[in-house]
Amino acid sequence: MLGCLLSWPFWVMHALGCIIDNQRGATLSSSIDPANGIDTSEMANFLNMFAAVVYLQNGGLVTMVDVLNKSYQLCDPMNECTPSLPPLLTFINQVAQNALVLASPVVLVLLLSEVFLGLLSRFAPQMNAFAISLTVKSGIAVLIMLLYFSPVLPDNVLRLSFQATGLSSWFYERGATHVLE
């Protein structure tokens, strides 16, 4: 459970990078990530590392130690402590929801560029729209990310990462069977 709470911002950033790379057509160059053991895109790796830098720069290790300390205060390791598992299943929905909300500006602009490239291929059939679409969409995605994510993304990493400090109230309210008084 602690792993889910603490890895929450990294999962959101990884999903965000996968969505952006999928929309710009860059999943052709995906590779196996040795840290996660899954097939991942380059933007997902970059945003995952960016989230780690922001997390560590803003006291993420202190937060992690604080969460670990509170978990030992809530559940004695020598006694039985069974947390409620259904709230953990809602994390999957929240990861996808946050990733889609953060990726929506880039996806919208890439959709508009796709419409423009479709019109271009209709009016100039001798031009190969697919050949130029990868370059155009990659350039547009990087430009939108520079404009949109520089003021927004670090704050969202911090907002997502420091939700884990409320572990004591979340864990206690959600049905732990044994809590130290």
N, C-alpha and C. Protein backbone atom coordinates (compact mmCIF):
# COMPACT_ATOMS: atom_id res chain seq x y z
N MET A 1 0.82 -1.17 0.00
CA MET A 1 0.00 0.00 0.00
C MET A 1 0.88 1.26 0.00
N LEU A 2 1.95 1.23 0.76
CA LEU A 2 2.85 2.38 0.79
C LEU A 2 3.48 2.60 -0.58
N GLY A 3 3.77 1.52 -1.26
CA GLY A 3 4.35 1.64 -2.59
C GLY A 3 3.40 2.33 -3.56
N CYS A 4 2.12 2.02 -3.48
CA CYS A 4 1.13 2.69 -4.33
C CYS A 4 1.03 4.17 -4.00
N LEU A 5 1.01 4.49 -2.72
CA LEU A 5 0.88 5.89 -2.33
C LEU A 5 2.10 6.71 -2.73
N LEU A 6 3.28 6.14 -2.57
CA LEU A 6 4.49 6.90 -2.85
C LEU A 6 4.85 6.94 -4.34
N SER A 7 4.40 5.96 -5.11
CA SER A 7 4.73 5.95 -6.53
C SER A 7 3.66 6.63 -7.38
N TRP A 8 2.65 7.15 -6.75
CA TRP A 8 1.53 7.81 -7.43
C TRP A 8 1.96 8.88 -8.43
N PRO A 9 2.81 9.86 -8.09
CA PRO A 9 3.16 10.89 -9.08
C PRO A 9 3.97 10.33 -10.25
N PHE A 10 4.75 9.29 -10.00
CA PHE A 10 5.57 8.72 -11.06
C PHE A 10 4.71 7.95 -12.05
N TRP A 11 3.67 7.28 -11.57
CA TRP A 11 2.75 6.58 -12.46
C TRP A 11 1.99 7.57 -13.34
N VAL A 12 1.58 8.70 -12.76
CA VAL A 12 0.86 9.71 -13.53
C VAL A 12 1.76 10.29 -14.62
N MET A 13 3.00 10.61 -14.29
CA MET A 13 3.91 11.18 -15.27
C MET A 13 4.27 10.16 -16.36
N HIS A 14 4.40 8.89 -15.98
CA HIS A 14 4.68 7.85 -16.96
C HIS A 14 3.51 7.69 -17.92
N ALA A 15 2.29 7.68 -17.39
CA ALA A 15 1.11 7.58 -18.25
C ALA A 15 0.97 8.81 -19.13
N LEU A 16 1.30 9.97 -18.60
CA LEU A 16 1.25 11.21 -19.38
C LEU A 16 2.21 11.14 -20.57
N GLY A 17 3.42 10.67 -20.34
CA GLY A 17 4.39 10.53 -21.43
C GLY A 17 3.95 9.51 -22.46
N CYS A 18 3.33 8.42 -22.02
CA CYS A 18 2.84 7.42 -22.97
C CYS A 18 1.71 7.97 -23.83
N ILE A 19 0.82 8.76 -23.23
CA ILE A 19 -0.28 9.34 -24.00
C ILE A 19 0.25 10.31 -25.05
N ILE A 20 1.19 11.16 -24.66
CA ILE A 20 1.74 12.14 -25.60
C ILE A 20 2.50 11.44 -26.72
N ASP A 21 3.31 10.44 -26.39
CA ASP A 21 4.05 9.73 -27.43
C ASP A 21 3.12 8.95 -28.34
N ASN A 22 2.05 8.42 -27.81
CA ASN A 22 1.09 7.70 -28.64
C ASN A 22 0.42 8.66 -29.62
N GLN A 23 0.08 9.84 -29.17
CA GLN A 23 -0.60 10.80 -30.04
C GLN A 23 0.33 11.39 -31.10
N ARG A 24 1.59 11.51 -30.80
CA ARG A 24 2.49 12.08 -31.81
C ARG A 24 3.12 11.00 -32.68
N GLY A 25 2.79 9.74 -32.44
CA GLY A 25 3.26 8.66 -33.29
C GLY A 25 4.66 8.20 -33.00
N ALA A 26 5.13 8.41 -31.80
CA ALA A 26 6.51 8.07 -31.46
C ALA A 26 6.62 6.74 -30.72
N THR A 27 5.56 5.97 -30.69
CA THR A 27 5.66 4.67 -30.00
C THR A 27 6.39 3.64 -30.85
N LEU A 28 6.75 4.01 -32.07
CA LEU A 28 7.53 3.11 -32.90
C LEU A 28 8.93 2.91 -32.34
N SER A 29 9.40 3.88 -31.57
CA SER A 29 10.76 3.81 -31.02
C SER A 29 10.77 3.46 -29.55
N SER A 30 9.76 2.77 -29.08
CA SER A 30 9.72 2.42 -27.66
C SER A 30 10.76 1.36 -27.35
N SER A 31 11.20 1.35 -26.11
CA SER A 31 12.23 0.42 -25.69
C SER A 31 11.85 -0.18 -24.34
N ILE A 32 12.56 -1.21 -23.94
CA ILE A 32 12.31 -1.84 -22.65
C ILE A 32 13.01 -1.03 -21.57
N ASP A 33 12.24 -0.60 -20.59
CA ASP A 33 12.78 0.17 -19.46
C ASP A 33 13.25 -0.83 -18.41
N PRO A 34 14.55 -0.86 -18.08
CA PRO A 34 15.04 -1.84 -17.11
C PRO A 34 14.53 -1.59 -15.70
N ALA A 35 14.19 -0.35 -15.36
CA ALA A 35 13.71 -0.05 -14.01
C ALA A 35 12.30 -0.59 -13.80
N ASN A 36 11.44 -0.44 -14.81
CA ASN A 36 10.06 -0.89 -14.69
C ASN A 36 9.84 -2.26 -15.29
N GLY A 37 10.68 -2.65 -16.25
CA GLY A 37 10.53 -3.94 -16.90
C GLY A 37 9.41 -3.97 -17.92
N ILE A 38 8.99 -2.81 -18.40
CA ILE A 38 7.91 -2.75 -19.37
C ILE A 38 8.37 -2.00 -20.61
N ASP A 39 7.62 -2.18 -21.69
CA ASP A 39 7.88 -1.46 -22.92
C ASP A 39 7.40 -0.03 -22.74
N THR A 40 8.29 0.91 -22.83
CA THR A 40 7.93 2.30 -22.52
C THR A 40 8.47 3.24 -23.59
N SER A 41 7.85 4.40 -23.69
CA SER A 41 8.26 5.38 -24.68
C SER A 41 9.30 6.33 -24.09
N GLU A 42 9.91 7.09 -24.97
CA GLU A 42 10.98 8.00 -24.54
C GLU A 42 10.43 9.15 -23.70
N MET A 43 9.29 9.70 -24.09
CA MET A 43 8.71 10.80 -23.33
C MET A 43 8.26 10.33 -21.95
N ALA A 44 7.79 9.09 -21.86
CA ALA A 44 7.39 8.55 -20.55
C ALA A 44 8.61 8.42 -19.64
N ASN A 45 9.73 7.95 -20.18
CA ASN A 45 10.95 7.89 -19.37
C ASN A 45 11.41 9.28 -18.94
N PHE A 46 11.35 10.24 -19.87
CA PHE A 46 11.78 11.60 -19.55
C PHE A 46 10.90 12.21 -18.46
N LEU A 47 9.59 12.10 -18.59
CA LEU A 47 8.69 12.69 -17.59
C LEU A 47 8.79 11.96 -16.25
N ASN A 48 9.06 10.67 -16.29
CA ASN A 48 9.25 9.92 -15.05
C ASN A 48 10.51 10.41 -14.32
N MET A 49 11.59 10.63 -15.07
CA MET A 49 12.81 11.16 -14.45
C MET A 49 12.61 12.60 -13.98
N PHE A 50 11.85 13.38 -14.73
CA PHE A 50 11.55 14.75 -14.33
C PHE A 50 10.77 14.76 -13.02
N ALA A 51 9.80 13.87 -12.89
CA ALA A 51 9.03 13.78 -11.65
C ALA A 51 9.93 13.38 -10.49
N ALA A 52 10.89 12.49 -10.74
CA ALA A 52 11.81 12.09 -9.68
C ALA A 52 12.68 13.26 -9.23
N VAL A 53 13.14 14.07 -10.18
CA VAL A 53 13.97 15.23 -9.83
C VAL A 53 13.17 16.24 -9.01
N VAL A 54 11.95 16.54 -9.45
CA VAL A 54 11.11 17.49 -8.72
C VAL A 54 10.77 16.95 -7.34
N TYR A 55 10.48 15.66 -7.27
CA TYR A 55 10.13 15.02 -6.00
C TYR A 55 11.30 15.08 -5.01
N LEU A 56 12.49 14.75 -5.48
CA LEU A 56 13.66 14.75 -4.60
C LEU A 56 14.10 16.16 -4.24
N GLN A 57 13.99 17.09 -5.17
CA GLN A 57 14.40 18.46 -4.91
C GLN A 57 13.51 19.13 -3.86
N ASN A 58 12.27 18.74 -3.79
CA ASN A 58 11.32 19.39 -2.88
C ASN A 58 11.01 18.54 -1.66
N GLY A 59 11.96 17.76 -1.21
CA GLY A 59 11.82 17.05 0.06
C GLY A 59 11.09 15.73 -0.03
N GLY A 60 11.20 15.04 -1.13
CA GLY A 60 10.52 13.76 -1.29
C GLY A 60 11.03 12.68 -0.36
N LEU A 61 12.33 12.69 -0.08
CA LEU A 61 12.87 11.68 0.83
C LEU A 61 12.37 11.90 2.25
N VAL A 62 12.24 13.15 2.65
CA VAL A 62 11.69 13.44 3.98
C VAL A 62 10.24 12.97 4.05
N THR A 63 9.49 13.21 2.99
CA THR A 63 8.11 12.75 2.94
C THR A 63 8.04 11.23 3.02
N MET A 64 8.93 10.56 2.29
CA MET A 64 8.94 9.11 2.29
C MET A 64 9.24 8.55 3.68
N VAL A 65 10.22 9.13 4.36
CA VAL A 65 10.55 8.68 5.72
C VAL A 65 9.41 8.99 6.68
N ASP A 66 8.76 10.13 6.50
CA ASP A 66 7.62 10.49 7.35
C ASP A 66 6.46 9.51 7.16
N VAL A 67 6.19 9.13 5.92
CA VAL A 67 5.12 8.16 5.65
C VAL A 67 5.48 6.81 6.26
N LEU A 68 6.71 6.39 6.12
CA LEU A 68 7.14 5.12 6.71
C LEU A 68 7.03 5.15 8.23
N ASN A 69 7.41 6.27 8.84
CA ASN A 69 7.30 6.42 10.28
C ASN A 69 5.84 6.36 10.72
N LYS A 70 4.96 7.07 10.02
CA LYS A 70 3.54 7.05 10.38
C LYS A 70 2.93 5.67 10.18
N SER A 71 3.40 4.94 9.19
CA SER A 71 2.85 3.60 8.98
C SER A 71 3.20 2.67 10.13
N TYR A 72 4.40 2.81 10.69
CA TYR A 72 4.76 2.00 11.85
C TYR A 72 4.00 2.44 13.10
N GLN A 73 3.63 3.71 13.18
CA GLN A 73 2.83 4.17 14.30
C GLN A 73 1.39 3.67 14.19
N LEU A 74 0.89 3.58 12.97
CA LEU A 74 -0.49 3.12 12.77
C LEU A 74 -0.63 1.62 12.90
N CYS A 75 0.30 0.89 12.36
CA CYS A 75 0.23 -0.57 12.36
C CYS A 75 1.51 -1.13 12.95
N ASP A 76 1.38 -1.73 14.08
CA ASP A 76 2.52 -2.35 14.74
C ASP A 76 2.97 -3.54 13.90
N PRO A 77 4.26 -3.64 13.57
CA PRO A 77 4.72 -4.75 12.75
C PRO A 77 4.58 -6.11 13.43
N MET A 78 4.47 -6.13 14.75
CA MET A 78 4.34 -7.40 15.47
C MET A 78 2.89 -7.88 15.57
N ASN A 79 1.94 -7.03 15.24
CA ASN A 79 0.53 -7.39 15.32
C ASN A 79 -0.08 -7.39 13.93
N GLU A 80 -1.25 -7.96 13.85
CA GLU A 80 -1.94 -8.02 12.58
C GLU A 80 -2.56 -6.67 12.24
N CYS A 81 -2.40 -6.25 11.02
CA CYS A 81 -2.96 -4.99 10.55
C CYS A 81 -3.38 -5.18 9.10
N THR A 82 -4.66 -5.16 8.86
CA THR A 82 -5.17 -5.38 7.52
C THR A 82 -5.84 -4.11 7.00
N PRO A 83 -5.23 -3.43 6.06
CA PRO A 83 -5.87 -2.23 5.51
C PRO A 83 -6.97 -2.61 4.53
N SER A 84 -7.80 -1.66 4.23
CA SER A 84 -8.86 -1.85 3.26
C SER A 84 -8.28 -1.75 1.85
N LEU A 85 -8.52 -2.75 1.02
CA LEU A 85 -7.93 -2.77 -0.32
C LEU A 85 -8.76 -2.07 -1.40
N PRO A 86 -10.08 -1.95 -1.30
CA PRO A 86 -10.82 -1.27 -2.38
C PRO A 86 -10.36 0.16 -2.68
N PRO A 87 -9.95 0.97 -1.70
CA PRO A 87 -9.46 2.30 -2.09
C PRO A 87 -8.20 2.26 -2.96
N LEU A 88 -7.41 1.19 -2.84
CA LEU A 88 -6.23 1.09 -3.71
C LEU A 88 -6.62 0.90 -5.17
N LEU A 89 -7.76 0.25 -5.39
CA LEU A 89 -8.19 0.03 -6.77
C LEU A 89 -8.64 1.33 -7.44
N THR A 90 -9.03 2.31 -6.66
CA THR A 90 -9.41 3.60 -7.25
C THR A 90 -8.19 4.37 -7.75
N PHE A 91 -6.99 3.96 -7.34
CA PHE A 91 -5.78 4.64 -7.82
C PHE A 91 -5.62 4.49 -9.33
N ILE A 92 -6.01 3.36 -9.88
CA ILE A 92 -5.88 3.16 -11.32
C ILE A 92 -6.72 4.19 -12.06
N ASN A 93 -7.94 4.40 -11.59
CA ASN A 93 -8.81 5.40 -12.20
C ASN A 93 -8.23 6.80 -12.04
N GLN A 94 -7.69 7.10 -10.89
CA GLN A 94 -7.14 8.44 -10.64
C GLN A 94 -5.87 8.69 -11.44
N VAL A 95 -5.05 7.66 -11.63
CA VAL A 95 -3.84 7.81 -12.45
C VAL A 95 -4.23 8.15 -13.89
N ALA A 96 -5.18 7.39 -14.44
CA ALA A 96 -5.62 7.65 -15.81
C ALA A 96 -6.28 9.01 -15.94
N GLN A 97 -7.09 9.37 -14.96
CA GLN A 97 -7.78 10.66 -14.99
C GLN A 97 -6.80 11.83 -14.95
N ASN A 98 -5.84 11.79 -14.05
CA ASN A 98 -4.86 12.88 -13.96
C ASN A 98 -3.97 12.94 -15.19
N ALA A 99 -3.59 11.79 -15.73
CA ALA A 99 -2.76 11.78 -16.93
C ALA A 99 -3.51 12.37 -18.12
N LEU A 100 -4.78 12.03 -18.27
CA LEU A 100 -5.56 12.58 -19.39
C LEU A 100 -5.79 14.08 -19.24
N VAL A 101 -6.03 14.53 -18.03
CA VAL A 101 -6.23 15.96 -17.81
C VAL A 101 -4.95 16.73 -18.12
N LEU A 102 -3.81 16.21 -17.68
CA LEU A 102 -2.55 16.90 -17.95
C LEU A 102 -2.15 16.84 -19.42
N ALA A 103 -2.52 15.76 -20.12
CA ALA A 103 -2.13 15.61 -21.52
C ALA A 103 -3.11 16.28 -22.48
N SER A 104 -4.26 16.71 -22.00
CA SER A 104 -5.30 17.21 -22.90
C SER A 104 -4.87 18.41 -23.75
N PRO A 105 -4.10 19.39 -23.26
CA PRO A 105 -3.70 20.48 -24.17
C PRO A 105 -2.82 20.00 -25.32
N VAL A 106 -1.91 19.10 -25.04
CA VAL A 106 -1.04 18.58 -26.10
C VAL A 106 -1.84 17.74 -27.08
N VAL A 107 -2.74 16.91 -26.56
CA VAL A 107 -3.54 16.05 -27.42
C VAL A 107 -4.46 16.90 -28.31
N LEU A 108 -5.03 17.97 -27.76
CA LEU A 108 -5.91 18.83 -28.55
C LEU A 108 -5.15 19.50 -29.69
N VAL A 109 -3.97 20.02 -29.42
CA VAL A 109 -3.18 20.67 -30.47
C VAL A 109 -2.72 19.64 -31.50
N LEU A 110 -2.37 18.43 -31.06
CA LEU A 110 -1.97 17.39 -32.01
C LEU A 110 -3.15 16.94 -32.86
N LEU A 111 -4.35 16.95 -32.30
CA LEU A 111 -5.55 16.63 -33.08
C LEU A 111 -5.78 17.70 -34.15
N LEU A 112 -5.61 18.96 -33.79
CA LEU A 112 -5.76 20.03 -34.77
C LEU A 112 -4.69 19.94 -35.86
N SER A 113 -3.47 19.56 -35.49
CA SER A 113 -2.43 19.40 -36.51
C SER A 113 -2.74 18.20 -37.41
N GLU A 114 -3.36 17.18 -36.86
CA GLU A 114 -3.76 16.01 -37.67
C GLU A 114 -4.84 16.41 -38.68
N VAL A 115 -5.78 17.24 -38.25
CA VAL A 115 -6.81 17.74 -39.18
C VAL A 115 -6.16 18.58 -40.28
N PHE A 116 -5.23 19.44 -39.90
CA PHE A 116 -4.52 20.25 -40.89
C PHE A 116 -3.74 19.38 -41.87
N LEU A 117 -3.07 18.36 -41.37
CA LEU A 117 -2.32 17.47 -42.26
C LEU A 117 -3.26 16.67 -43.16
N GLY A 118 -4.44 16.33 -42.66
CA GLY A 118 -5.43 15.66 -43.50
C GLY A 118 -5.92 16.55 -44.62
N LEU A 119 -6.18 17.82 -44.31
CA LEU A 119 -6.57 18.77 -45.36
C LEU A 119 -5.43 18.99 -46.35
N LEU A 120 -4.21 19.04 -45.85
CA LEU A 120 -3.05 19.21 -46.73
C LEU A 120 -2.91 18.03 -47.68
N SER A 121 -3.10 16.84 -47.19
CA SER A 121 -2.99 15.66 -48.06
C SER A 121 -4.15 15.59 -49.05
N ARG A 122 -5.29 16.17 -48.69
CA ARG A 122 -6.43 16.19 -49.60
C ARG A 122 -6.21 17.17 -50.75
N PHE A 123 -5.64 18.34 -50.44
CA PHE A 123 -5.44 19.35 -51.46
C PHE A 123 -4.10 19.22 -52.17
N ALA A 124 -3.16 18.51 -51.60
CA ALA A 124 -1.87 18.26 -52.25
C ALA A 124 -1.56 16.77 -52.15
N PRO A 125 -2.21 15.95 -53.00
CA PRO A 125 -2.05 14.49 -52.87
C PRO A 125 -0.65 13.99 -53.16
N GLN A 126 0.16 14.76 -53.88
CA GLN A 126 1.52 14.32 -54.16
C GLN A 126 2.42 14.41 -52.93
N MET A 127 1.99 15.15 -51.91
CA MET A 127 2.77 15.26 -50.68
C MET A 127 2.39 14.11 -49.74
N ASN A 128 3.37 13.41 -49.24
CA ASN A 128 3.13 12.29 -48.33
C ASN A 128 2.89 12.84 -46.92
N ALA A 129 1.63 12.85 -46.50
CA ALA A 129 1.27 13.44 -45.21
C ALA A 129 1.83 12.63 -44.05
N PHE A 130 1.90 11.31 -44.21
CA PHE A 130 2.42 10.49 -43.12
C PHE A 130 3.91 10.76 -42.89
N ALA A 131 4.65 10.97 -43.96
CA ALA A 131 6.09 11.19 -43.82
C ALA A 131 6.39 12.49 -43.07
N ILE A 132 5.61 13.52 -43.31
CA ILE A 132 5.88 14.77 -42.60
C ILE A 132 5.13 14.86 -41.27
N SER A 133 4.15 14.00 -41.07
CA SER A 133 3.35 14.10 -39.84
C SER A 133 4.18 13.79 -38.59
N LEU A 134 5.09 12.84 -38.68
CA LEU A 134 5.90 12.51 -37.51
C LEU A 134 6.78 13.68 -37.09
N THR A 135 7.36 14.35 -38.07
CA THR A 135 8.21 15.50 -37.75
C THR A 135 7.40 16.69 -37.26
N VAL A 136 6.32 16.98 -37.94
CA VAL A 136 5.49 18.12 -37.56
C VAL A 136 4.87 17.90 -36.18
N LYS A 137 4.31 16.72 -35.95
CA LYS A 137 3.66 16.46 -34.67
C LYS A 137 4.66 16.41 -33.52
N SER A 138 5.86 15.91 -33.76
CA SER A 138 6.88 15.92 -32.71
C SER A 138 7.29 17.34 -32.36
N GLY A 139 7.48 18.17 -33.37
CA GLY A 139 7.84 19.57 -33.12
C GLY A 139 6.75 20.32 -32.39
N ILE A 140 5.51 20.10 -32.78
CA ILE A 140 4.38 20.76 -32.12
C ILE A 140 4.26 20.29 -30.68
N ALA A 141 4.42 18.99 -30.46
CA ALA A 141 4.31 18.46 -29.09
C ALA A 141 5.39 19.04 -28.18
N VAL A 142 6.61 19.14 -28.67
CA VAL A 142 7.69 19.71 -27.86
C VAL A 142 7.44 21.19 -27.59
N LEU A 143 6.96 21.92 -28.59
CA LEU A 143 6.67 23.34 -28.40
C LEU A 143 5.55 23.54 -27.38
N ILE A 144 4.49 22.77 -27.47
CA ILE A 144 3.38 22.90 -26.52
C ILE A 144 3.83 22.50 -25.12
N MET A 145 4.66 21.48 -25.03
CA MET A 145 5.17 21.07 -23.72
C MET A 145 6.03 22.16 -23.10
N LEU A 146 6.83 22.84 -23.91
CA LEU A 146 7.64 23.94 -23.38
C LEU A 146 6.77 25.08 -22.88
N LEU A 147 5.72 25.39 -23.61
CA LEU A 147 4.85 26.50 -23.23
C LEU A 147 3.93 26.16 -22.06
N TYR A 148 3.41 24.95 -22.06
CA TYR A 148 2.38 24.58 -21.09
C TYR A 148 2.95 23.96 -19.82
N PHE A 149 3.90 23.07 -19.98
CA PHE A 149 4.33 22.28 -18.83
C PHE A 149 5.38 22.94 -17.96
N SER A 150 6.07 23.93 -18.45
CA SER A 150 7.08 24.55 -17.58
C SER A 150 6.46 25.21 -16.36
N PRO A 151 5.33 25.92 -16.46
CA PRO A 151 4.73 26.44 -15.22
C PRO A 151 3.80 25.46 -14.53
N VAL A 152 3.31 24.45 -15.23
CA VAL A 152 2.24 23.60 -14.69
C VAL A 152 2.77 22.28 -14.13
N LEU A 153 3.68 21.63 -14.82
CA LEU A 153 4.07 20.27 -14.46
C LEU A 153 4.74 20.13 -13.10
N PRO A 154 5.70 20.99 -12.72
CA PRO A 154 6.30 20.81 -11.38
C PRO A 154 5.29 20.95 -10.25
N ASP A 155 4.35 21.87 -10.39
CA ASP A 155 3.33 22.03 -9.34
C ASP A 155 2.44 20.81 -9.24
N ASN A 156 2.14 20.18 -10.38
CA ASN A 156 1.31 18.98 -10.35
C ASN A 156 2.05 17.80 -9.76
N VAL A 157 3.35 17.70 -10.01
CA VAL A 157 4.13 16.63 -9.37
C VAL A 157 4.10 16.80 -7.86
N LEU A 158 4.28 18.04 -7.40
CA LEU A 158 4.25 18.29 -5.96
C LEU A 158 2.86 18.05 -5.38
N ARG A 159 1.83 18.44 -6.10
CA ARG A 159 0.46 18.23 -5.62
C ARG A 159 0.15 16.74 -5.49
N LEU A 160 0.60 15.97 -6.45
CA LEU A 160 0.35 14.53 -6.40
C LEU A 160 1.21 13.83 -5.36
N SER A 161 2.45 14.28 -5.21
CA SER A 161 3.37 13.55 -4.34
C SER A 161 3.09 13.78 -2.87
N PHE A 162 2.64 14.94 -2.49
CA PHE A 162 2.46 15.20 -1.08
C PHE A 162 1.09 14.78 -0.56
N GLN A 163 0.30 14.09 -1.37
CA GLN A 163 -0.93 13.50 -0.86
C GLN A 163 -0.61 12.31 0.04
N ALA A 164 0.56 11.74 -0.12
CA ALA A 164 0.92 10.58 0.69
C ALA A 164 1.19 10.95 2.14
N THR A 165 1.41 12.22 2.44
CA THR A 165 1.64 12.61 3.83
C THR A 165 0.37 12.48 4.66
N GLY A 166 -0.77 12.42 4.04
CA GLY A 166 -2.03 12.22 4.76
C GLY A 166 -2.34 10.75 4.98
N LEU A 167 -1.31 9.93 5.01
CA LEU A 167 -1.50 8.49 5.16
C LEU A 167 -2.23 8.14 6.45
N SER A 168 -1.91 8.84 7.54
CA SER A 168 -2.51 8.47 8.82
C SER A 168 -4.02 8.62 8.79
N SER A 169 -4.53 9.70 8.26
CA SER A 169 -5.98 9.86 8.22
C SER A 169 -6.60 8.92 7.19
N TRP A 170 -5.95 8.73 6.05
CA TRP A 170 -6.48 7.85 5.02
C TRP A 170 -6.50 6.41 5.50
N PHE A 171 -5.41 6.00 6.13
CA PHE A 171 -5.30 4.61 6.56
C PHE A 171 -6.24 4.32 7.72
N TYR A 172 -6.36 5.26 8.62
CA TYR A 172 -7.21 5.07 9.80
C TYR A 172 -8.68 5.10 9.41
N GLU A 173 -9.07 5.99 8.52
CA GLU A 173 -10.47 6.13 8.15
C GLU A 173 -10.95 5.02 7.23
N ARG A 174 -10.06 4.39 6.51
CA ARG A 174 -10.46 3.42 5.51
C ARG A 174 -10.54 2.00 6.03
N GLY A 175 -10.43 1.78 7.31
CA GLY A 175 -10.75 0.47 7.83
C GLY A 175 -9.58 -0.41 8.22
N ALA A 176 -8.55 0.12 8.81
CA ALA A 176 -7.50 -0.74 9.34
C ALA A 176 -8.07 -1.47 10.55
N THR A 177 -7.78 -2.76 10.67
CA THR A 177 -8.40 -3.53 11.74
C THR A 177 -7.68 -3.36 13.06
N HIS A 178 -6.41 -2.95 13.03
CA HIS A 178 -5.67 -2.76 14.28
C HIS A 178 -4.86 -1.48 14.17
N VAL A 179 -5.15 -0.53 15.00
CA VAL A 179 -4.44 0.74 15.00
C VAL A 179 -3.94 1.00 16.40
N LEU A 180 -2.66 1.36 16.50
CA LEU A 180 -2.10 1.68 17.82
C LEU A 180 -2.69 2.98 18.33
N GLU A 181 -3.02 3.04 19.55
CA GLU A 181 -3.58 4.25 20.16
C GLU A 181 -2.45 5.10 20.69
